[in-house]
Amino acid sequence: KNSSVIELRNNEYSTNVVFRLSKLPQKGVDVQIAVEESYAAIYNTIHETDFEVFPAANVKIANNGTFVLAPDDKVTPSVKVTLTAFDGMEEDKTYIVPLTVTSSTEGVTFTENVQAYGASRSRLSQQT
């Protein structure tokens, strides 16, 4: 369970995330990081929460989420994730951003552990 919560005070917010392998892969590993909206229900069930999903269309992952790990590296580079506010986004409500990591490299598997980040929008006061 990841308890990071991001507060959108503007229409856009960027943060960095990393994913780790449990051991050195001994070969280059193709990694794909993506938003998997269906994991929100799994996360909510496991953690007894009721977050609504932040739309994948409003999440941009650097390099289209595609990375290659070197044979002696078990941590992805710091990956920039940008969230953009969406129509109908409610103030002071927390939404879930479920990120998944997969690999097409033979012999490399990831456990099905849902990493989710929260995003909420705060009311902005405008000074005139």
C-alpha atoms as a PDB file:
ATOM      1  CA  LYS A   1       0.000   0.000   0.000  1.00  0.00           C
ATOM      2  CA  ASN A   2       1.332   3.391  -0.926  1.00  0.00           C
ATOM      3  CA  SER A   3      -0.037   6.287   1.046  1.00  0.00           C
ATOM      4  CA  SER A   4       1.263   9.158  -1.076  1.00  0.00           C
ATOM      5  CA  VAL A   5      -1.367  11.823  -1.632  1.00  0.00           C
ATOM      6  CA  ILE A   6      -0.895  14.612  -4.141  1.00  0.00           C
ATOM      7  CA  GLU A   7      -2.834  17.829  -3.819  1.00  0.00           C
ATOM      8  CA  LEU A   8      -3.656  19.605  -7.068  1.00  0.00           C
ATOM      9  CA  ARG A   9      -3.605  23.328  -6.395  1.00  0.00           C
ATOM     10  CA  ASN A  10      -3.388  24.150 -10.099  1.00  0.00           C
ATOM     11  CA  ASN A  11      -4.699  22.329 -13.157  1.00  0.00           C
ATOM     12  CA  GLU A  12      -1.535  20.227 -13.435  1.00  0.00           C
ATOM     13  CA  TYR A  13       0.872  18.548 -11.037  1.00  0.00           C
ATOM     14  CA  SER A  14       3.975  16.443 -11.642  1.00  0.00           C
ATOM     15  CA  THR A  15       5.718  14.017  -9.310  1.00  0.00           C
ATOM     16  CA  ASN A  16       8.284  11.234  -9.646  1.00  0.00           C
ATOM     17  CA  VAL A  17       7.862   7.528  -8.895  1.00  0.00           C
ATOM     18  CA  VAL A  18      10.206   4.520  -8.980  1.00  0.00           C
ATOM     19  CA  PHE A  19       9.663   0.773  -9.190  1.00  0.00           C
ATOM     20  CA  ARG A  20      12.076  -1.856  -7.866  1.00  0.00           C
ATOM     21  CA  LEU A  21      12.854  -5.462  -8.700  1.00  0.00           C
ATOM     22  CA  SER A  22      13.525  -7.759  -5.742  1.00  0.00           C
ATOM     23  CA  LYS A  23      16.845  -8.925  -7.227  1.00  0.00           C
ATOM     24  CA  LEU A  24      19.283  -8.014  -9.993  1.00  0.00           C
ATOM     25  CA  PRO A  25      17.869  -9.228 -13.325  1.00  0.00           C
ATOM     26  CA  GLN A  26      21.248 -10.343 -14.819  1.00  0.00           C
ATOM     27  CA  LYS A  27      20.024  -9.093 -18.219  1.00  0.00           C
ATOM     28  CA  GLY A  28      18.416  -6.013 -19.692  1.00  0.00           C
ATOM     29  CA  VAL A  29      14.747  -5.719 -18.747  1.00  0.00           C
ATOM     30  CA  ASP A  30      12.029  -3.967 -20.756  1.00  0.00           C
ATOM     31  CA  VAL A  31       9.657  -2.214 -18.356  1.00  0.00           C
ATOM     32  CA  GLN A  32       6.242  -0.686 -19.094  1.00  0.00           C
ATOM     33  CA  ILE A  33       4.587   1.559 -16.494  1.00  0.00           C
ATOM     34  CA  ALA A  34       0.926   2.391 -17.042  1.00  0.00           C
ATOM     35  CA  VAL A  35      -2.280   3.432 -15.342  1.00  0.00           C
ATOM     36  CA  GLU A  36      -4.562   0.434 -14.858  1.00  0.00           C
ATOM     37  CA  GLU A  37      -7.979   1.811 -13.897  1.00  0.00           C
ATOM     38  CA  SER A  38      -9.387  -1.658 -13.126  1.00  0.00           C
ATOM     39  CA  TYR A  39      -6.942  -1.997 -10.208  1.00  0.00           C
ATOM     40  CA  ALA A  40      -8.797   0.726  -8.312  1.00  0.00           C
ATOM     41  CA  ALA A  41     -11.494  -1.781  -7.347  1.00  0.00           C
ATOM     42  CA  ILE A  42      -8.879  -4.307  -6.179  1.00  0.00           C
ATOM     43  CA  TYR A  43      -7.063  -1.642  -4.150  1.00  0.00           C
ATOM     44  CA  ASN A  44     -10.308  -0.434  -2.586  1.00  0.00           C
ATOM     45  CA  THR A  45     -11.277  -3.990  -1.619  1.00  0.00           C
ATOM     46  CA  ILE A  46      -7.887  -4.846  -0.105  1.00  0.00           C
ATOM     47  CA  HIS A  47      -7.608  -1.592   1.856  1.00  0.00           C
ATOM     48  CA  GLU A  48     -11.308  -1.138   2.639  1.00  0.00           C
ATOM     49  CA  THR A  49     -11.468   2.242   0.927  1.00  0.00           C
ATOM     50  CA  ASP A  50     -13.829   3.717  -1.644  1.00  0.00           C
ATOM     51  CA  PHE A  51     -11.687   5.960  -3.850  1.00  0.00           C
ATOM     52  CA  GLU A  52     -12.832   6.877  -7.336  1.00  0.00           C
ATOM     53  CA  VAL A  53     -10.277   6.382 -10.086  1.00  0.00           C
ATOM     54  CA  PHE A  54      -8.393   9.336 -11.566  1.00  0.00           C
ATOM     55  CA  PRO A  55      -8.947   9.019 -15.345  1.00  0.00           C
ATOM     56  CA  ALA A  56      -6.010   7.445 -17.181  1.00  0.00           C
ATOM     57  CA  ALA A  57      -6.526   9.971 -19.990  1.00  0.00           C
ATOM     58  CA  ASN A  58      -5.474  12.698 -17.534  1.00  0.00           C
ATOM     59  CA  VAL A  59      -2.257  10.934 -16.450  1.00  0.00           C
ATOM     60  CA  LYS A  60       0.913  11.361 -18.501  1.00  0.00           C
ATOM     61  CA  ILE A  61       3.892   9.098 -17.786  1.00  0.00           C
ATOM     62  CA  ALA A  62       7.319  10.183 -19.060  1.00  0.00           C
ATOM     63  CA  ASN A  63       8.674   8.314 -22.081  1.00  0.00           C
ATOM     64  CA  ASN A  64       5.189   6.820 -22.552  1.00  0.00           C
ATOM     65  CA  GLY A  65       6.000   4.649 -19.531  1.00  0.00           C
ATOM     66  CA  THR A  66       8.634   2.613 -21.408  1.00  0.00           C
ATOM     67  CA  PHE A  67      12.052   2.010 -19.840  1.00  0.00           C
ATOM     68  CA  VAL A  68      14.928  -0.467 -20.013  1.00  0.00           C
ATOM     69  CA  LEU A  69      16.757  -1.595 -16.883  1.00  0.00           C
ATOM     70  CA  ALA A  70      20.431  -2.571 -17.213  1.00  0.00           C
ATOM     71  CA  PRO A  71      21.465  -6.074 -16.094  1.00  0.00           C
ATOM     72  CA  ASP A  72      22.955  -4.649 -12.889  1.00  0.00           C
ATOM     73  CA  ASP A  73      20.068  -2.307 -12.067  1.00  0.00           C
ATOM     74  CA  LYS A  74      16.946  -3.243 -10.141  1.00  0.00           C
ATOM     75  CA  VAL A  75      15.381   0.233  -9.814  1.00  0.00           C
ATOM     76  CA  THR A  76      13.700   2.198 -12.597  1.00  0.00           C
ATOM     77  CA  PRO A  77      14.915   5.721 -13.131  1.00  0.00           C
ATOM     78  CA  SER A  78      12.839   8.380 -11.436  1.00  0.00           C
ATOM     79  CA  VAL A  79       9.724   8.454 -13.635  1.00  0.00           C
ATOM     80  CA  LYS A  80       7.846  11.723 -14.065  1.00  0.00           C
ATOM     81  CA  VAL A  81       4.078  11.339 -13.753  1.00  0.00           C
ATOM     82  CA  THR A  82       1.897  14.355 -14.563  1.00  0.00           C
ATOM     83  CA  LEU A  83      -1.737  14.623 -13.482  1.00  0.00           C
ATOM     84  CA  THR A  84      -4.090  17.063 -15.181  1.00  0.00           C
ATOM     85  CA  ALA A  85      -7.366  18.130 -13.558  1.00  0.00           C
ATOM     86  CA  PHE A  86     -10.492  16.936 -15.353  1.00  0.00           C
ATOM     87  CA  ASP A  87     -14.010  18.267 -15.851  1.00  0.00           C
ATOM     88  CA  GLY A  88     -16.173  17.297 -12.902  1.00  0.00           C
ATOM     89  CA  MET A  89     -13.231  16.799 -10.538  1.00  0.00           C
ATOM     90  CA  GLU A  90     -14.552  17.563  -7.071  1.00  0.00           C
ATOM     91  CA  GLU A  91     -12.689  19.742  -4.602  1.00  0.00           C
ATOM     92  CA  ASP A  92     -11.385  18.090  -1.432  1.00  0.00           C
ATOM     93  CA  LYS A  93     -12.127  14.615  -2.803  1.00  0.00           C
ATOM     94  CA  THR A  94      -9.363  12.024  -3.091  1.00  0.00           C
ATOM     95  CA  TYR A  95      -9.049  10.000  -6.301  1.00  0.00           C
ATOM     96  CA  ILE A  96      -6.852   6.953  -6.816  1.00  0.00           C
ATOM     97  CA  VAL A  97      -4.150   6.707  -9.506  1.00  0.00           C
ATOM     98  CA  PRO A  98      -3.335   2.970  -9.838  1.00  0.00           C
ATOM     99  CA  LEU A  99       0.011   2.399 -11.550  1.00  0.00           C
ATOM    100  CA  THR A 100       1.161  -1.000 -12.792  1.00  0.00           C
ATOM    101  CA  VAL A 101       4.483  -2.235 -14.068  1.00  0.00           C
ATOM    102  CA  THR A 102       4.918  -5.084 -16.540  1.00  0.00           C
ATOM    103  CA  SER A 103       7.776  -6.557 -18.535  1.00  0.00           C
ATOM    104  CA  SER A 104       7.959  -8.444 -21.810  1.00  0.00           C
ATOM    105  CA  THR A 105      11.431  -9.740 -20.939  1.00  0.00           C
ATOM    106  CA  GLU A 106      11.479 -13.539 -20.651  1.00  0.00           C
ATOM    107  CA  GLY A 107      11.941 -14.780 -17.081  1.00  0.00           C
ATOM    108  CA  VAL A 108      11.042 -11.469 -15.441  1.00  0.00           C
ATOM    109  CA  THR A 109       7.776 -11.241 -13.540  1.00  0.00           C
ATOM    110  CA  PHE A 110       6.311  -8.746 -11.158  1.00  0.00           C
ATOM    111  CA  THR A 111       4.055  -9.646  -8.294  1.00  0.00           C
ATOM    112  CA  GLU A 112       0.538  -8.312  -8.640  1.00  0.00           C
ATOM    113  CA  ASN A 113       0.997  -5.621  -6.054  1.00  0.00           C
ATOM    114  CA  VAL A 114      -1.124  -2.564  -6.719  1.00  0.00           C
ATOM    115  CA  GLN A 115       0.754   0.712  -6.284  1.00  0.00           C
ATOM    116  CA  ALA A 116      -1.699   3.536  -6.001  1.00  0.00           C
ATOM    117  CA  TYR A 117      -1.357   7.226  -5.423  1.00  0.00           C
ATOM    118  CA  GLY A 118      -4.043   9.590  -4.247  1.00  0.00           C
ATOM    119  CA  ALA A 119      -4.847  12.896  -5.872  1.00  0.00           C
ATOM    120  CA  SER A 120      -7.151  15.552  -4.532  1.00  0.00           C
ATOM    121  CA  ARG A 121      -8.001  19.027  -5.714  1.00  0.00           C
ATOM    122  CA  SER A 122      -7.914  21.907  -3.268  1.00  0.00           C
ATOM    123  CA  ARG A 123      -9.956  25.038  -3.583  1.00  0.00           C
ATOM    124  CA  LEU A 124      -7.857  27.879  -4.894  1.00  0.00           C
ATOM    125  CA  SER A 125      -8.391  31.325  -3.509  1.00  0.00           C
ATOM    126  CA  GLN A 126      -7.938  34.082  -6.028  1.00  0.00           C
ATOM    127  CA  GLN A 127      -6.771  37.487  -4.948  1.00  0.00           C
ATOM    128  CA  THR A 128      -7.924  40.510  -6.894  1.00  0.00           C
END
